[in-house]
Amino acid sequence: MVGGDLGGLFQQAQKMQKELKAVQEDLKQRTVSGESGSGLVKVYASGAQEVMKIEIDPSAVDPEDTEMLEDLVLVAVQQALEKAKELADSETSRVTGGMNLPGMM
């Protein structure tokens, strides 16, 4: 490989790294949601896959059946995090051109 080609490759890698950092910052500001029980439980997560807020409709709270509420919360959290992962994967592949680069996200 010629030195000039290596330099160009290095510059492209630096540019991609800078763009990925910008994507990561953007993902922290974006929000996705998951819900269960026809909206009785809603979970909001950042594109960085951090749960930000949980809303529970009072009608979902039954002291005699806390297991149902636990299941509803779990499903909504899983859904929100899956959407956050899909968003992150989509935005990252936009920058990387679909290359699977370990350690980038």
PDB file of N, CA and C in Angstrom:
ATOM      1  N   MET A   1       0.847  -1.182   0.000  1.00  0.00           N
ATOM      2  CA  MET A   1       0.000   0.000   0.000  1.00  0.00           C
ATOM      3  C   MET A   1       0.883   1.233   0.000  1.00  0.00           C
ATOM      4  N   VAL A   2       0.552   2.192  -0.804  1.00  0.00           N
ATOM      5  CA  VAL A   2       1.313   3.428  -0.933  1.00  0.00           C
ATOM      6  C   VAL A   2       0.996   4.335   0.248  1.00  0.00           C
ATOM      7  N   GLY A   3       1.998   5.100   0.743  1.00  0.00           N
ATOM      8  CA  GLY A   3       1.822   5.966   1.894  1.00  0.00           C
ATOM      9  C   GLY A   3       0.662   6.922   1.754  1.00  0.00           C
ATOM     10  N   GLY A   4       0.422   7.480   0.556  1.00  0.00           N
ATOM     11  CA  GLY A   4      -0.689   8.408   0.336  1.00  0.00           C
ATOM     12  C   GLY A   4      -2.035   7.750   0.576  1.00  0.00           C
ATOM     13  N   ASP A   5      -2.165   6.495   0.155  1.00  0.00           N
ATOM     14  CA  ASP A   5      -3.412   5.759   0.372  1.00  0.00           C
ATOM     15  C   ASP A   5      -3.657   5.543   1.855  1.00  0.00           C
ATOM     16  N   LEU A   6      -2.601   5.255   2.585  1.00  0.00           N
ATOM     17  CA  LEU A   6      -2.717   5.040   4.021  1.00  0.00           C
ATOM     18  C   LEU A   6      -3.141   6.329   4.724  1.00  0.00           C
ATOM     19  N   GLY A   7      -2.581   7.452   4.291  1.00  0.00           N
ATOM     20  CA  GLY A   7      -2.950   8.748   4.863  1.00  0.00           C
ATOM     21  C   GLY A   7      -4.411   9.071   4.609  1.00  0.00           C
ATOM     22  N   GLY A   8      -4.877   8.779   3.401  1.00  0.00           N
ATOM     23  CA  GLY A   8      -6.284   9.023   3.066  1.00  0.00           C
ATOM     24  C   GLY A   8      -7.206   8.145   3.888  1.00  0.00           C
ATOM     25  N   LEU A   9      -6.790   6.905   4.078  1.00  0.00           N
ATOM     26  CA  LEU A   9      -7.582   5.981   4.886  1.00  0.00           C
ATOM     27  C   LEU A   9      -7.659   6.471   6.332  1.00  0.00           C
ATOM     28  N   PHE A  10      -6.540   6.959   6.844  1.00  0.00           N
ATOM     29  CA  PHE A  10      -6.500   7.489   8.207  1.00  0.00           C
ATOM     30  C   PHE A  10      -7.423   8.700   8.338  1.00  0.00           C
ATOM     31  N   GLN A  11      -7.416   9.578   7.337  1.00  0.00           N
ATOM     32  CA  GLN A  11      -8.293  10.759   7.368  1.00  0.00           C
ATOM     33  C   GLN A  11      -9.760  10.346   7.337  1.00  0.00           C
ATOM     34  N   GLN A  12     -10.082   9.342   6.521  1.00  0.00           N
ATOM     35  CA  GLN A  12     -11.463   8.852   6.463  1.00  0.00           C
ATOM     36  C   GLN A  12     -11.881   8.267   7.806  1.00  0.00           C
ATOM     37  N   ALA A  13     -10.980   7.541   8.447  1.00  0.00           N
ATOM     38  CA  ALA A  13     -11.284   6.945   9.748  1.00  0.00           C
ATOM     39  C   ALA A  13     -11.517   8.038  10.787  1.00  0.00           C
ATOM     40  N   GLN A  14     -10.710   9.092  10.762  1.00  0.00           N
ATOM     41  CA  GLN A  14     -10.897  10.201  11.701  1.00  0.00           C
ATOM     42  C   GLN A  14     -12.231  10.897  11.460  1.00  0.00           C
ATOM     43  N   LYS A  15     -12.575  11.085  10.187  1.00  0.00           N
ATOM     44  CA  LYS A  15     -13.851  11.734   9.848  1.00  0.00           C
ATOM     45  C   LYS A  15     -15.017  10.881  10.350  1.00  0.00           C
ATOM     46  N   MET A  16     -14.927   9.561  10.121  1.00  0.00           N
ATOM     47  CA  MET A  16     -15.994   8.661  10.554  1.00  0.00           C
ATOM     48  C   MET A  16     -16.111   8.683  12.075  1.00  0.00           C
ATOM     49  N   GLN A  17     -14.991   8.695  12.769  1.00  0.00           N
ATOM     50  CA  GLN A  17     -15.007   8.723  14.233  1.00  0.00           C
ATOM     51  C   GLN A  17     -15.679  10.001  14.733  1.00  0.00           C
ATOM     52  N   LYS A  18     -15.382  11.128  14.090  1.00  0.00           N
ATOM     53  CA  LYS A  18     -15.992  12.405  14.471  1.00  0.00           C
ATOM     54  C   LYS A  18     -17.509  12.367  14.221  1.00  0.00           C
ATOM     55  N   GLU A  19     -17.909  11.808  13.081  1.00  0.00           N
ATOM     56  CA  GLU A  19     -19.332  11.709  12.758  1.00  0.00           C
ATOM     57  C   GLU A  19     -20.054  10.785  13.731  1.00  0.00           C
ATOM     58  N   LEU A  20     -19.416   9.686  14.110  1.00  0.00           N
ATOM     59  CA  LEU A  20     -20.026   8.754  15.065  1.00  0.00           C
ATOM     60  C   LEU A  20     -20.203   9.407  16.427  1.00  0.00           C
ATOM     61  N   LYS A  21     -19.238  10.218  16.822  1.00  0.00           N
ATOM     62  CA  LYS A  21     -19.362  10.925  18.097  1.00  0.00           C
ATOM     63  C   LYS A  21     -20.558  11.878  18.046  1.00  0.00           C
ATOM     64  N   ALA A  22     -20.735  12.554  16.918  1.00  0.00           N
ATOM     65  CA  ALA A  22     -21.878  13.455  16.760  1.00  0.00           C
ATOM     66  C   ALA A  22     -23.185  12.674  16.804  1.00  0.00           C
ATOM     67  N   VAL A  23     -23.213  11.495  16.192  1.00  0.00           N
ATOM     68  CA  VAL A  23     -24.406  10.649  16.217  1.00  0.00           C
ATOM     69  C   VAL A  23     -24.710  10.231  17.651  1.00  0.00           C
ATOM     70  N   GLN A  24     -23.690   9.844  18.408  1.00  0.00           N
ATOM     71  CA  GLN A  24     -23.895   9.433  19.791  1.00  0.00           C
ATOM     72  C   GLN A  24     -24.476  10.573  20.622  1.00  0.00           C
ATOM     73  N   GLU A  25     -23.989  11.785  20.415  1.00  0.00           N
ATOM     74  CA  GLU A  25     -24.527  12.944  21.134  1.00  0.00           C
ATOM     75  C   GLU A  25     -25.976  13.200  20.738  1.00  0.00           C
ATOM     76  N   ASP A  26     -26.259  13.068  19.439  1.00  0.00           N
ATOM     77  CA  ASP A  26     -27.624  13.272  18.952  1.00  0.00           C
ATOM     78  C   ASP A  26     -28.569  12.230  19.547  1.00  0.00           C
ATOM     79  N   LEU A  27     -28.113  10.986  19.630  1.00  0.00           N
ATOM     80  CA  LEU A  27     -28.953   9.913  20.170  1.00  0.00           C
ATOM     81  C   LEU A  27     -29.330  10.164  21.620  1.00  0.00           C
ATOM     82  N   LYS A  28     -28.449  10.803  22.377  1.00  0.00           N
ATOM     83  CA  LYS A  28     -28.757  11.122  23.772  1.00  0.00           C
ATOM     84  C   LYS A  28     -29.934  12.088  23.879  1.00  0.00           C
ATOM     85  N   GLN A  29     -30.142  12.896  22.841  1.00  0.00           N
ATOM     86  CA  GLN A  29     -31.202  13.902  22.850  1.00  0.00           C
ATOM     87  C   GLN A  29     -32.515  13.374  22.274  1.00  0.00           C
ATOM     88  N   ARG A  30     -32.474  12.256  21.590  1.00  0.00           N
ATOM     89  CA  ARG A  30     -33.674  11.717  20.945  1.00  0.00           C
ATOM     90  C   ARG A  30     -34.385  10.748  21.880  1.00  0.00           C
ATOM     91  N   THR A  31     -35.695  10.676  21.729  1.00  0.00           N
ATOM     92  CA  THR A  31     -36.511   9.855  22.614  1.00  0.00           C
ATOM     93  C   THR A  31     -37.375   8.901  21.798  1.00  0.00           C
ATOM     94  N   VAL A  32     -37.456   7.669  22.270  1.00  0.00           N
ATOM     95  CA  VAL A  32     -38.378   6.678  21.723  1.00  0.00           C
ATOM     96  C   VAL A  32     -39.242   6.203  22.877  1.00  0.00           C
ATOM     97  N   SER A  33     -40.342   5.534  22.553  1.00  0.00           N
ATOM     98  CA  SER A  33     -41.210   5.047  23.629  1.00  0.00           C
ATOM     99  C   SER A  33     -41.666   3.629  23.346  1.00  0.00           C
ATOM    100  N   GLY A  34     -41.993   2.962  24.422  1.00  0.00           N
ATOM    101  CA  GLY A  34     -42.599   1.645  24.355  1.00  0.00           C
ATOM    102  C   GLY A  34     -43.805   1.662  25.271  1.00  0.00           C
ATOM    103  N   GLU A  35     -44.771   0.832  24.961  1.00  0.00           N
ATOM    104  CA  GLU A  35     -45.954   0.785  25.816  1.00  0.00           C
ATOM    105  C   GLU A  35     -46.513  -0.622  25.861  1.00  0.00           C
ATOM    106  N   SER A  36     -47.307  -0.856  26.879  1.00  0.00           N
ATOM    107  CA  SER A  36     -47.978  -2.144  27.020  1.00  0.00           C
ATOM    108  C   SER A  36     -49.336  -1.910  27.662  1.00  0.00           C
ATOM    109  N   GLY A  37     -50.147  -2.952  27.616  1.00  0.00           N
ATOM    110  CA  GLY A  37     -51.482  -2.846  28.202  1.00  0.00           C
ATOM    111  C   GLY A  37     -52.305  -1.766  27.538  1.00  0.00           C
ATOM    112  N   SER A  38     -52.221  -1.670  26.221  1.00  0.00           N
ATOM    113  CA  SER A  38     -52.956  -0.645  25.458  1.00  0.00           C
ATOM    114  C   SER A  38     -52.683   0.763  25.985  1.00  0.00           C
ATOM    115  N   GLY A  39     -51.428   0.999  26.342  1.00  0.00           N
ATOM    116  CA  GLY A  39     -51.036   2.325  26.791  1.00  0.00           C
ATOM    117  C   GLY A  39     -51.114   2.552  28.287  1.00  0.00           C
ATOM    118  N   LEU A  40     -51.450   1.515  29.060  1.00  0.00           N
ATOM    119  CA  LEU A  40     -51.511   1.683  30.512  1.00  0.00           C
ATOM    120  C   LEU A  40     -50.134   1.978  31.103  1.00  0.00           C
ATOM    121  N   VAL A  41     -49.097   1.415  30.469  1.00  0.00           N
ATOM    122  CA  VAL A  41     -47.726   1.665  30.898  1.00  0.00           C
ATOM    123  C   VAL A  41     -46.949   2.167  29.686  1.00  0.00           C
ATOM    124  N   LYS A  42     -46.290   3.308  29.855  1.00  0.00           N
ATOM    125  CA  LYS A  42     -45.464   3.872  28.795  1.00  0.00           C
ATOM    126  C   LYS A  42     -44.068   4.117  29.348  1.00  0.00           C
ATOM    127  N   VAL A  43     -43.082   3.767  28.535  1.00  0.00           N
ATOM    128  CA  VAL A  43     -41.690   3.954  28.925  1.00  0.00           C
ATOM    129  C   VAL A  43     -41.004   4.760  27.839  1.00  0.00           C
ATOM    130  N   TYR A  44     -40.251   5.765  28.262  1.00  0.00           N
ATOM    131  CA  TYR A  44     -39.526   6.627  27.338  1.00  0.00           C
ATOM    132  C   TYR A  44     -38.032   6.395  27.555  1.00  0.00           C
ATOM    133  N   ALA A  45     -37.313   6.195  26.448  1.00  0.00           N
ATOM    134  CA  ALA A  45     -35.870   5.960  26.518  1.00  0.00           C
ATOM    135  C   ALA A  45     -35.166   6.860  25.517  1.00  0.00           C
ATOM    136  N   SER A  46     -33.931   7.191  25.830  1.00  0.00           N
ATOM    137  CA  SER A  46     -33.129   7.973  24.890  1.00  0.00           C
ATOM    138  C   SER A  46     -32.611   7.037  23.803  1.00  0.00           C
ATOM    139  N   GLY A  47     -32.172   7.629  22.714  1.00  0.00           N
ATOM    140  CA  GLY A  47     -31.562   6.842  21.649  1.00  0.00           C
ATOM    141  C   GLY A  47     -30.276   6.178  22.101  1.00  0.00           C
ATOM    142  N   ALA A  48     -29.753   6.613  23.251  1.00  0.00           N
ATOM    143  CA  ALA A  48     -28.561   5.998  23.839  1.00  0.00           C
ATOM    144  C   ALA A  48     -28.944   4.830  24.753  1.00  0.00           C
ATOM    145  N   GLN A  49     -30.189   4.414  24.673  1.00  0.00           N
ATOM    146  CA  GLN A  49     -30.715   3.251  25.390  1.00  0.00           C
ATOM    147  C   GLN A  49     -30.725   3.433  26.901  1.00  0.00           C
ATOM    148  N   GLU A  50     -31.078   4.629  27.339  1.00  0.00           N
ATOM    149  CA  GLU A  50     -31.243   4.910  28.757  1.00  0.00           C
ATOM    150  C   GLU A  50     -32.715   5.206  29.024  1.00  0.00           C
ATOM    151  N   VAL A  51     -33.314   4.503  29.977  1.00  0.00           N
ATOM    152  CA  VAL A  51     -34.709   4.750  30.330  1.00  0.00           C
ATOM    153  C   VAL A  51     -34.782   6.119  31.004  1.00  0.00           C
ATOM    154  N   MET A  52     -35.662   6.975  30.482  1.00  0.00           N
ATOM    155  CA  MET A  52     -35.752   8.346  30.965  1.00  0.00           C
ATOM    156  C   MET A  52     -36.990   8.576  31.837  1.00  0.00           C
ATOM    157  N   LYS A  53     -38.072   7.892  31.510  1.00  0.00           N
ATOM    158  CA  LYS A  53     -39.327   8.159  32.210  1.00  0.00           C
ATOM    159  C   LYS A  53     -40.255   6.955  32.062  1.00  0.00           C
ATOM    160  N   ILE A  54     -41.031   6.706  33.109  1.00  0.00           N
ATOM    161  CA  ILE A  54     -42.055   5.662  33.070  1.00  0.00           C
ATOM    162  C   ILE A  54     -43.363   6.288  33.528  1.00  0.00           C
ATOM    163  N   GLU A  55     -44.403   6.092  32.729  1.00  0.00           N
ATOM    164  CA  GLU A  55     -45.742   6.572  33.092  1.00  0.00           C
ATOM    165  C   GLU A  55     -46.644   5.363  33.292  1.00  0.00           C
ATOM    166  N   ILE A  56     -47.370   5.355  34.417  1.00  0.00           N
ATOM    167  CA  ILE A  56     -48.290   4.254  34.716  1.00  0.00           C
ATOM    168  C   ILE A  56     -49.669   4.848  34.953  1.00  0.00           C
ATOM    169  N   ASP A  57     -50.617   4.423  34.154  1.00  0.00           N
ATOM    170  CA  ASP A  57     -51.998   4.857  34.333  1.00  0.00           C
ATOM    171  C   ASP A  57     -52.492   4.302  35.668  1.00  0.00           C
ATOM    172  N   PRO A  58     -53.138   5.135  36.483  1.00  0.00           N
ATOM    173  CA  PRO A  58     -53.616   4.664  37.796  1.00  0.00           C
ATOM    174  C   PRO A  58     -54.504   3.418  37.717  1.00  0.00           C
ATOM    175  N   SER A  59     -55.218   3.257  36.609  1.00  0.00           N
ATOM    176  CA  SER A  59     -56.090   2.082  36.506  1.00  0.00           C
ATOM    177  C   SER A  59     -55.302   0.778  36.375  1.00  0.00           C
ATOM    178  N   ALA A  60     -54.002   0.871  36.106  1.00  0.00           N
ATOM    179  CA  ALA A  60     -53.162  -0.326  35.994  1.00  0.00           C
ATOM    180  C   ALA A  60     -52.682  -0.798  37.358  1.00  0.00           C
ATOM    181  N   VAL A  61     -52.913   0.009  38.380  1.00  0.00           N
ATOM    182  CA  VAL A  61     -52.419  -0.324  39.714  1.00  0.00           C
ATOM    183  C   VAL A  61     -53.501  -1.067  40.498  1.00  0.00           C
ATOM    184  N   ASP A  62     -53.258  -2.344  40.670  1.00  0.00           N
ATOM    185  CA  ASP A  62     -54.159  -3.186  41.453  1.00  0.00           C
ATOM    186  C   ASP A  62     -53.326  -3.833  42.559  1.00  0.00           C
ATOM    187  N   PRO A  63     -53.507  -3.400  43.800  1.00  0.00           N
ATOM    188  CA  PRO A  63     -52.700  -3.957  44.893  1.00  0.00           C
ATOM    189  C   PRO A  63     -52.809  -5.473  45.006  1.00  0.00           C
ATOM    190  N   GLU A  64     -53.888  -6.039  44.482  1.00  0.00           N
ATOM    191  CA  GLU A  64     -54.073  -7.487  44.546  1.00  0.00           C
ATOM    192  C   GLU A  64     -53.342  -8.210  43.410  1.00  0.00           C
ATOM    193  N   ASP A  65     -52.866  -7.454  42.410  1.00  0.00           N
ATOM    194  CA  ASP A  65     -52.223  -8.088  41.252  1.00  0.00           C
ATOM    195  C   ASP A  65     -51.011  -7.275  40.805  1.00  0.00           C
ATOM    196  N   THR A  66     -50.031  -7.149  41.677  1.00  0.00           N
ATOM    197  CA  THR A  66     -48.821  -6.398  41.317  1.00  0.00           C
ATOM    198  C   THR A  66     -48.009  -7.114  40.240  1.00  0.00           C
ATOM    199  N   GLU A  67     -48.164  -8.414  40.133  1.00  0.00           N
ATOM    200  CA  GLU A  67     -47.439  -9.174  39.117  1.00  0.00           C
ATOM    201  C   GLU A  67     -47.820  -8.709  37.716  1.00  0.00           C
ATOM    202  N   MET A  68     -49.094  -8.415  37.499  1.00  0.00           N
ATOM    203  CA  MET A  68     -49.528  -7.933  36.192  1.00  0.00           C
ATOM    204  C   MET A  68     -48.855  -6.600  35.867  1.00  0.00           C
ATOM    205  N   LEU A  69     -48.805  -5.690  36.836  1.00  0.00           N
ATOM    206  CA  LEU A  69     -48.171  -4.397  36.627  1.00  0.00           C
ATOM    207  C   LEU A  69     -46.673  -4.580  36.341  1.00  0.00           C
ATOM    208  N   GLU A  70     -46.036  -5.467  37.069  1.00  0.00           N
ATOM    209  CA  GLU A  70     -44.621  -5.744  36.823  1.00  0.00           C
ATOM    210  C   GLU A  70     -44.403  -6.225  35.393  1.00  0.00           C
ATOM    211  N   ASP A  71     -45.275  -7.118  34.921  1.00  0.00           N
ATOM    212  CA  ASP A  71     -45.170  -7.623  33.552  1.00  0.00           C
ATOM    213  C   ASP A  71     -45.374  -6.504  32.533  1.00  0.00           C
ATOM    214  N   LEU A  72     -46.354  -5.634  32.785  1.00  0.00           N
ATOM    215  CA  LEU A  72     -46.603  -4.517  31.873  1.00  0.00           C
ATOM    216  C   LEU A  72     -45.393  -3.585  31.794  1.00  0.00           C
ATOM    217  N   VAL A  73     -44.790  -3.297  32.935  1.00  0.00           N
ATOM    218  CA  VAL A  73     -43.602  -2.425  32.964  1.00  0.00           C
ATOM    219  C   VAL A  73     -42.456  -3.100  32.207  1.00  0.00           C
ATOM    220  N   LEU A  74     -42.241  -4.370  32.457  1.00  0.00           N
ATOM    221  CA  LEU A  74     -41.164  -5.091  31.800  1.00  0.00           C
ATOM    222  C   LEU A  74     -41.319  -5.070  30.276  1.00  0.00           C
ATOM    223  N   VAL A  75     -42.515  -5.341  29.799  1.00  0.00           N
ATOM    224  CA  VAL A  75     -42.768  -5.349  28.354  1.00  0.00           C
ATOM    225  C   VAL A  75     -42.522  -3.964  27.758  1.00  0.00           C
ATOM    226  N   ALA A  76     -43.004  -2.933  28.415  1.00  0.00           N
ATOM    227  CA  ALA A  76     -42.838  -1.572  27.903  1.00  0.00           C
ATOM    228  C   ALA A  76     -41.365  -1.160  27.891  1.00  0.00           C
ATOM    229  N   VAL A  77     -40.617  -1.534  28.937  1.00  0.00           N
ATOM    230  CA  VAL A  77     -39.185  -1.217  28.987  1.00  0.00           C
ATOM    231  C   VAL A  77     -38.453  -1.937  27.858  1.00  0.00           C
ATOM    232  N   GLN A  78     -38.738  -3.205  27.679  1.00  0.00           N
ATOM    233  CA  GLN A  78     -38.081  -3.967  26.616  1.00  0.00           C
ATOM    234  C   GLN A  78     -38.388  -3.367  25.246  1.00  0.00           C
ATOM    235  N   GLN A  79     -39.619  -2.969  25.033  1.00  0.00           N
ATOM    236  CA  GLN A  79     -40.014  -2.378  23.754  1.00  0.00           C
ATOM    237  C   GLN A  79     -39.292  -1.055  23.516  1.00  0.00           C
ATOM    238  N   ALA A  80     -39.232  -0.210  24.533  1.00  0.00           N
ATOM    239  CA  ALA A  80     -38.557   1.088  24.391  1.00  0.00           C
ATOM    240  C   ALA A  80     -37.066   0.894  24.114  1.00  0.00           C
ATOM    241  N   LEU A  81     -36.430  -0.021  24.825  1.00  0.00           N
ATOM    242  CA  LEU A  81     -35.001  -0.247  24.617  1.00  0.00           C
ATOM    243  C   LEU A  81     -34.718  -0.862  23.250  1.00  0.00           C
ATOM    244  N   GLU A  82     -35.609  -1.714  22.781  1.00  0.00           N
ATOM    245  CA  GLU A  82     -35.441  -2.289  21.439  1.00  0.00           C
ATOM    246  C   GLU A  82     -35.551  -1.191  20.376  1.00  0.00           C
ATOM    247  N   LYS A  83     -36.510  -0.291  20.541  1.00  0.00           N
ATOM    248  CA  LYS A  83     -36.637   0.827  19.600  1.00  0.00           C
ATOM    249  C   LYS A  83     -35.408   1.729  19.660  1.00  0.00           C
ATOM    250  N   ALA A  84     -34.878   1.946  20.856  1.00  0.00           N
ATOM    251  CA  ALA A  84     -33.671   2.771  21.001  1.00  0.00           C
ATOM    252  C   ALA A  84     -32.487   2.109  20.302  1.00  0.00           C
ATOM    253  N   LYS A  85     -32.376   0.800  20.435  1.00  0.00           N
ATOM    254  CA  LYS A  85     -31.285   0.070  19.777  1.00  0.00           C
ATOM    255  C   LYS A  85     -31.430   0.156  18.268  1.00  0.00           C
ATOM    256  N   GLU A  86     -32.646  -0.017  17.764  1.00  0.00           N
ATOM    257  CA  GLU A  86     -32.880   0.074  16.326  1.00  0.00           C
ATOM    258  C   GLU A  86     -32.526   1.471  15.809  1.00  0.00           C
ATOM    259  N   LEU A  87     -32.905   2.500  16.561  1.00  0.00           N
ATOM    260  CA  LEU A  87     -32.571   3.869  16.181  1.00  0.00           C
ATOM    261  C   LEU A  87     -31.061   4.058  16.146  1.00  0.00           C
ATOM    262  N   ALA A  88     -30.367   3.592  17.182  1.00  0.00           N
ATOM    263  CA  ALA A  88     -28.907   3.730  17.239  1.00  0.00           C
ATOM    264  C   ALA A  88     -28.244   2.970  16.095  1.00  0.00           C
ATOM    265  N   ASP A  89     -28.708   1.759  15.835  1.00  0.00           N
ATOM    266  CA  ASP A  89     -28.142   0.966  14.739  1.00  0.00           C
ATOM    267  C   ASP A  89     -28.355   1.662  13.400  1.00  0.00           C
ATOM    268  N   SER A  90     -29.541   2.201  13.203  1.00  0.00           N
ATOM    269  CA  SER A  90     -29.867   2.884  11.957  1.00  0.00           C
ATOM    270  C   SER A  90     -28.989   4.115  11.751  1.00  0.00           C
ATOM    271  N   GLU A  91     -28.874   4.926  12.790  1.00  0.00           N
ATOM    272  CA  GLU A  91     -28.072   6.155  12.687  1.00  0.00           C
ATOM    273  C   GLU A  91     -26.585   5.831  12.529  1.00  0.00           C
ATOM    274  N   THR A  92     -26.116   4.810  13.210  1.00  0.00           N
ATOM    275  CA  THR A  92     -24.709   4.429  13.102  1.00  0.00           C
ATOM    276  C   THR A  92     -24.394   3.886  11.717  1.00  0.00           C
ATOM    277  N   SER A  93     -25.262   3.039  11.192  1.00  0.00           N
ATOM    278  CA  SER A  93     -24.993   2.466   9.872  1.00  0.00           C
ATOM    279  C   SER A  93     -25.068   3.531   8.783  1.00  0.00           C
ATOM    280  N   ARG A  94     -25.807   4.611   9.045  1.00  0.00           N
ATOM    281  CA  ARG A  94     -25.843   5.723   8.091  1.00  0.00           C
ATOM    282  C   ARG A  94     -24.446   6.337   7.958  1.00  0.00           C
ATOM    283  N   VAL A  95     -23.730   6.420   9.069  1.00  0.00           N
ATOM    284  CA  VAL A  95     -22.384   6.989   9.067  1.00  0.00           C
ATOM    285  C   VAL A  95     -21.352   5.985   8.562  1.00  0.00           C
ATOM    286  N   THR A  96     -21.483   4.735   8.984  1.00  0.00           N
ATOM    287  CA  THR A  96     -20.467   3.732   8.649  1.00  0.00           C
ATOM    288  C   THR A  96     -20.731   3.042   7.326  1.00  0.00           C
ATOM    289  N   GLY A  97     -21.847   3.344   6.697  1.00  0.00           N
ATOM    290  CA  GLY A  97     -22.157   2.681   5.446  1.00  0.00           C
ATOM    291  C   GLY A  97     -22.503   1.223   5.636  1.00  0.00           C
ATOM    292  N   GLY A  98     -22.975   0.874   6.818  1.00  0.00           N
ATOM    293  CA  GLY A  98     -23.393  -0.482   7.099  1.00  0.00           C
ATOM    294  C   GLY A  98     -22.279  -1.379   7.599  1.00  0.00           C
ATOM    295  N   MET A  99     -21.034  -0.860   7.666  1.00  0.00           N
ATOM    296  CA  MET A  99     -19.938  -1.677   8.178  1.00  0.00           C
ATOM    297  C   MET A  99     -20.166  -1.930   9.657  1.00  0.00           C
ATOM    298  N   ASN A 100     -19.950  -3.135  10.090  1.00  0.00           N
ATOM    299  CA  ASN A 100     -20.075  -3.473  11.507  1.00  0.00           C
ATOM    300  C   ASN A 100     -18.720  -3.270  12.144  1.00  0.00           C
ATOM    301  N   LEU A 101     -18.533  -2.121  12.801  1.00  0.00           N
ATOM    302  CA  LEU A 101     -17.246  -1.790  13.389  1.00  0.00           C
ATOM    303  C   LEU A 101     -17.301  -2.007  14.897  1.00  0.00           C
ATOM    304  N   PRO A 102     -16.588  -3.010  15.387  1.00  0.00           N
ATOM    305  CA  PRO A 102     -16.616  -3.278  16.829  1.00  0.00           C
ATOM    306  C   PRO A 102     -16.095  -2.096  17.628  1.00  0.00           C
ATOM    307  N   GLY A 103     -16.765  -1.853  18.766  1.00  0.00           N
ATOM    308  CA  GLY A 103     -16.321  -0.808  19.664  1.00  0.00           C
ATOM    309  C   GLY A 103     -16.755   0.600  19.279  1.00  0.00           C
ATOM    310  N   MET A 104     -17.464   0.745  18.171  1.00  0.00           N
ATOM    311  CA  MET A 104     -17.866   2.079  17.739  1.00  0.00           C
ATOM    312  C   MET A 104     -19.112   2.548  18.463  1.00  0.00           C
ATOM    313  N   MET A 105     -19.991   1.635  18.874  1.00  0.00           N
ATOM    314  CA  MET A 105     -21.215   2.029  19.592  1.00  0.00           C
ATOM    315  C   MET A 105     -21.350   1.129  20.779  1.00  0.00           C
TER     316      MET A 105
END
